[in-house]
Amino acid sequence: MGDAVAESKVDFSALAVLNKWPSLANRRQPDREPYQVLEGTLDACISAFMDKPAATRHLYEIRTIAQPPLVTEILAPEHVLELSRLREFL
């Protein structure tokens, strides 16, 4: 993946939305729809996600325009953590 990261450009200024899933006992409620917490840039949404307590990050996702191969339309918590680390090197 090292080569792919080096060749790939991620537009952190792309529009994005940070969503939170309704939860019960710190578990996502899959029968409910996630709600918007923040609308802004991918960079702002990643920062807001990283500000959340690690124990609750699994309740969040970021939706944005896909930027293959590194950015998908819906970014799961693990993916956001990787992008946050990547962002530090750019």
N, C-alpha and C. Protein backbone atom coordinates (compact mmCIF):
# COMPACT_ATOMS: atom_id res chain seq x y z
N MET A 1 0.82 -1.20 0.00
CA MET A 1 0.00 0.00 0.00
C MET A 1 0.86 1.26 0.00
N GLY A 2 2.10 1.15 0.37
CA GLY A 2 2.97 2.31 0.42
C GLY A 2 3.01 3.07 -0.89
N ASP A 3 3.11 2.34 -2.03
CA ASP A 3 3.15 2.99 -3.32
C ASP A 3 1.84 3.70 -3.64
N ALA A 4 0.72 3.05 -3.29
CA ALA A 4 -0.59 3.64 -3.56
C ALA A 4 -0.76 4.94 -2.78
N VAL A 5 -0.29 4.96 -1.54
CA VAL A 5 -0.41 6.16 -0.73
C VAL A 5 0.45 7.27 -1.32
N ALA A 6 1.64 6.94 -1.74
CA ALA A 6 2.54 7.94 -2.29
C ALA A 6 1.96 8.55 -3.57
N GLU A 7 1.29 7.75 -4.38
CA GLU A 7 0.75 8.22 -5.65
C GLU A 7 -0.62 8.85 -5.51
N SER A 8 -1.32 8.55 -4.45
CA SER A 8 -2.69 9.02 -4.30
C SER A 8 -2.74 10.37 -3.62
N LYS A 9 -3.61 11.21 -4.14
CA LYS A 9 -3.84 12.51 -3.54
C LYS A 9 -5.24 12.48 -2.94
N VAL A 10 -5.35 12.94 -1.71
CA VAL A 10 -6.65 13.03 -1.07
C VAL A 10 -6.99 14.51 -0.93
N ASP A 11 -8.17 14.89 -1.41
CA ASP A 11 -8.63 16.27 -1.30
C ASP A 11 -9.35 16.43 0.03
N PHE A 12 -8.60 16.92 1.03
CA PHE A 12 -9.18 17.08 2.36
C PHE A 12 -10.13 18.29 2.44
N SER A 13 -10.19 19.08 1.35
CA SER A 13 -11.13 20.22 1.33
C SER A 13 -12.47 19.82 0.70
N ALA A 14 -12.60 18.54 0.31
CA ALA A 14 -13.86 18.06 -0.27
C ALA A 14 -14.98 18.17 0.76
N LEU A 15 -16.20 18.39 0.29
CA LEU A 15 -17.34 18.47 1.20
C LEU A 15 -17.59 17.11 1.84
N ALA A 16 -17.94 17.13 3.12
CA ALA A 16 -18.18 15.89 3.85
C ALA A 16 -19.18 16.16 4.98
N VAL A 17 -19.75 15.07 5.49
CA VAL A 17 -20.71 15.15 6.60
C VAL A 17 -20.32 14.10 7.63
N LEU A 18 -20.24 14.52 8.89
CA LEU A 18 -20.01 13.59 9.99
C LEU A 18 -21.37 13.21 10.54
N ASN A 19 -21.66 11.91 10.54
CA ASN A 19 -22.93 11.40 11.06
C ASN A 19 -22.70 10.55 12.29
N LYS A 20 -23.71 10.52 13.15
CA LYS A 20 -23.68 9.65 14.33
C LYS A 20 -24.89 8.74 14.29
N TRP A 21 -24.63 7.48 14.57
CA TRP A 21 -25.72 6.52 14.65
C TRP A 21 -26.39 6.62 16.01
N PRO A 22 -27.73 6.58 16.06
CA PRO A 22 -28.40 6.49 17.36
C PRO A 22 -27.88 5.23 18.07
N SER A 23 -27.70 5.34 19.37
CA SER A 23 -27.12 4.21 20.10
C SER A 23 -27.90 3.90 21.37
N LEU A 24 -27.72 2.68 21.81
CA LEU A 24 -28.27 2.21 23.07
C LEU A 24 -27.18 1.35 23.68
N ALA A 25 -26.78 1.69 24.91
CA ALA A 25 -25.70 0.97 25.59
C ALA A 25 -24.44 0.95 24.72
N ASN A 26 -24.14 2.09 24.09
CA ASN A 26 -22.94 2.27 23.27
C ASN A 26 -22.90 1.34 22.06
N ARG A 27 -24.08 0.94 21.56
CA ARG A 27 -24.18 0.11 20.36
C ARG A 27 -25.04 0.82 19.34
N ARG A 28 -24.63 0.73 18.08
CA ARG A 28 -25.43 1.30 17.00
C ARG A 28 -26.80 0.65 16.97
N GLN A 29 -27.79 1.46 16.65
CA GLN A 29 -29.14 0.95 16.46
C GLN A 29 -29.40 0.87 14.95
N PRO A 30 -29.18 -0.31 14.35
CA PRO A 30 -29.25 -0.43 12.89
C PRO A 30 -30.64 -0.18 12.30
N ASP A 31 -31.66 -0.21 13.14
CA ASP A 31 -33.01 0.05 12.64
C ASP A 31 -33.33 1.54 12.59
N ARG A 32 -32.37 2.37 12.98
CA ARG A 32 -32.55 3.83 12.95
C ARG A 32 -31.55 4.43 11.98
N GLU A 33 -31.83 5.61 11.50
CA GLU A 33 -30.94 6.29 10.56
C GLU A 33 -29.94 7.16 11.32
N PRO A 34 -28.70 7.23 10.82
CA PRO A 34 -27.73 8.13 11.46
C PRO A 34 -28.15 9.59 11.23
N TYR A 35 -27.74 10.46 12.14
CA TYR A 35 -28.08 11.88 11.99
C TYR A 35 -26.82 12.71 11.87
N GLN A 36 -26.97 13.86 11.23
CA GLN A 36 -25.84 14.73 10.94
C GLN A 36 -25.35 15.46 12.18
N VAL A 37 -24.03 15.43 12.40
CA VAL A 37 -23.40 16.13 13.51
C VAL A 37 -22.68 17.37 12.99
N LEU A 38 -22.04 17.24 11.82
CA LEU A 38 -21.26 18.34 11.25
C LEU A 38 -21.26 18.23 9.74
N GLU A 39 -21.41 19.37 9.08
CA GLU A 39 -21.23 19.44 7.62
C GLU A 39 -20.10 20.41 7.37
N GLY A 40 -19.13 19.99 6.58
CA GLY A 40 -17.98 20.86 6.30
C GLY A 40 -17.03 20.16 5.35
N THR A 41 -15.75 20.39 5.56
CA THR A 41 -14.75 19.74 4.72
C THR A 41 -14.41 18.36 5.30
N LEU A 42 -13.80 17.54 4.47
CA LEU A 42 -13.34 16.24 4.95
C LEU A 42 -12.36 16.44 6.10
N ASP A 43 -11.50 17.44 5.98
CA ASP A 43 -10.53 17.74 7.04
C ASP A 43 -11.25 18.08 8.35
N ALA A 44 -12.27 18.94 8.29
CA ALA A 44 -13.01 19.33 9.50
C ALA A 44 -13.73 18.14 10.11
N CYS A 45 -14.30 17.28 9.25
CA CYS A 45 -15.02 16.11 9.76
C CYS A 45 -14.06 15.11 10.40
N ILE A 46 -12.88 14.93 9.82
CA ILE A 46 -11.89 14.05 10.43
C ILE A 46 -11.46 14.59 11.78
N SER A 47 -11.22 15.90 11.86
CA SER A 47 -10.83 16.52 13.13
C SER A 47 -11.91 16.36 14.19
N ALA A 48 -13.17 16.59 13.80
CA ALA A 48 -14.28 16.45 14.75
C ALA A 48 -14.40 14.99 15.20
N PHE A 49 -14.22 14.05 14.28
CA PHE A 49 -14.25 12.63 14.62
C PHE A 49 -13.15 12.30 15.63
N MET A 50 -11.95 12.81 15.38
CA MET A 50 -10.81 12.51 16.25
C MET A 50 -10.98 13.13 17.63
N ASP A 51 -11.79 14.19 17.74
CA ASP A 51 -12.06 14.82 19.04
C ASP A 51 -13.03 14.00 19.89
N LYS A 52 -13.72 13.05 19.28
CA LYS A 52 -14.68 12.21 20.02
C LYS A 52 -13.91 11.20 20.87
N PRO A 53 -14.46 10.80 22.01
CA PRO A 53 -13.79 9.78 22.82
C PRO A 53 -13.63 8.49 22.01
N ALA A 54 -12.45 7.87 22.12
CA ALA A 54 -12.17 6.65 21.35
C ALA A 54 -13.24 5.59 21.57
N ALA A 55 -13.80 5.53 22.76
CA ALA A 55 -14.79 4.49 23.08
C ALA A 55 -16.12 4.69 22.36
N THR A 56 -16.35 5.88 21.78
CA THR A 56 -17.61 6.11 21.08
C THR A 56 -17.43 6.32 19.57
N ARG A 57 -16.22 6.28 19.08
CA ARG A 57 -15.98 6.56 17.65
C ARG A 57 -16.67 5.58 16.73
N HIS A 58 -16.92 4.37 17.19
CA HIS A 58 -17.58 3.37 16.33
C HIS A 58 -19.02 3.77 16.00
N LEU A 59 -19.54 4.77 16.68
CA LEU A 59 -20.90 5.24 16.43
C LEU A 59 -20.96 6.29 15.32
N TYR A 60 -19.80 6.68 14.78
CA TYR A 60 -19.74 7.76 13.79
C TYR A 60 -19.29 7.24 12.44
N GLU A 61 -19.66 7.98 11.40
CA GLU A 61 -19.17 7.71 10.06
C GLU A 61 -19.11 9.04 9.32
N ILE A 62 -18.27 9.09 8.31
CA ILE A 62 -18.16 10.29 7.48
C ILE A 62 -18.61 9.92 6.08
N ARG A 63 -19.48 10.75 5.52
CA ARG A 63 -19.93 10.57 4.14
C ARG A 63 -19.34 11.70 3.31
N THR A 64 -18.79 11.33 2.17
CA THR A 64 -18.14 12.31 1.30
C THR A 64 -18.13 11.77 -0.13
N ILE A 65 -17.58 12.52 -1.04
CA ILE A 65 -17.45 12.07 -2.43
C ILE A 65 -16.29 11.08 -2.48
N ALA A 66 -16.49 9.97 -3.15
CA ALA A 66 -15.44 8.96 -3.25
C ALA A 66 -14.22 9.53 -3.98
N GLN A 67 -13.04 9.19 -3.46
CA GLN A 67 -11.77 9.55 -4.07
C GLN A 67 -10.91 8.28 -4.13
N PRO A 68 -11.22 7.40 -5.09
CA PRO A 68 -10.50 6.13 -5.15
C PRO A 68 -8.99 6.36 -5.27
N PRO A 69 -8.16 5.49 -4.69
CA PRO A 69 -8.54 4.26 -3.98
C PRO A 69 -8.66 4.44 -2.47
N LEU A 70 -8.33 5.63 -1.94
CA LEU A 70 -8.23 5.78 -0.48
C LEU A 70 -9.51 6.22 0.21
N VAL A 71 -10.38 6.93 -0.49
CA VAL A 71 -11.57 7.50 0.15
C VAL A 71 -12.82 6.90 -0.49
N THR A 72 -13.66 6.29 0.34
CA THR A 72 -14.93 5.75 -0.13
C THR A 72 -16.04 6.72 0.26
N GLU A 73 -17.25 6.51 -0.27
CA GLU A 73 -18.36 7.43 0.01
C GLU A 73 -18.73 7.44 1.49
N ILE A 74 -18.66 6.28 2.12
CA ILE A 74 -18.96 6.19 3.56
C ILE A 74 -17.70 5.68 4.24
N LEU A 75 -17.14 6.50 5.10
CA LEU A 75 -15.91 6.14 5.80
C LEU A 75 -16.22 5.59 7.18
N ALA A 76 -15.85 4.35 7.39
CA ALA A 76 -16.02 3.71 8.70
C ALA A 76 -14.95 4.25 9.65
N PRO A 77 -15.16 4.10 10.95
CA PRO A 77 -14.20 4.62 11.93
C PRO A 77 -12.75 4.21 11.67
N GLU A 78 -12.52 2.94 11.30
CA GLU A 78 -11.14 2.48 11.07
C GLU A 78 -10.52 3.25 9.90
N HIS A 79 -11.33 3.53 8.89
CA HIS A 79 -10.87 4.24 7.71
C HIS A 79 -10.54 5.70 8.07
N VAL A 80 -11.37 6.31 8.91
CA VAL A 80 -11.13 7.70 9.32
C VAL A 80 -9.81 7.79 10.08
N LEU A 81 -9.53 6.80 10.93
CA LEU A 81 -8.27 6.80 11.68
C LEU A 81 -7.08 6.74 10.73
N GLU A 82 -7.17 5.91 9.69
CA GLU A 82 -6.08 5.82 8.72
C GLU A 82 -5.90 7.13 7.96
N LEU A 83 -7.00 7.76 7.56
CA LEU A 83 -6.90 9.04 6.85
C LEU A 83 -6.33 10.11 7.76
N SER A 84 -6.66 10.05 9.04
CA SER A 84 -6.11 11.02 9.99
C SER A 84 -4.59 10.89 10.07
N ARG A 85 -4.12 9.65 10.10
CA ARG A 85 -2.66 9.42 10.12
C ARG A 85 -2.03 9.87 8.81
N LEU A 86 -2.67 9.58 7.68
CA LEU A 86 -2.16 9.98 6.37
C LEU A 86 -2.07 11.52 6.29
N ARG A 87 -3.07 12.17 6.80
CA ARG A 87 -3.15 13.64 6.76
C ARG A 87 -1.94 14.26 7.45
N GLU A 88 -1.43 13.63 8.50
CA GLU A 88 -0.29 14.16 9.23
C GLU A 88 0.97 14.18 8.38
N PHE A 89 1.04 13.31 7.36
CA PHE A 89 2.23 13.24 6.52
C PHE A 89 2.16 14.16 5.32
N LEU A 90 1.01 14.77 5.08
CA LEU A 90 0.85 15.63 3.89
C LEU A 90 1.07 17.09 4.20
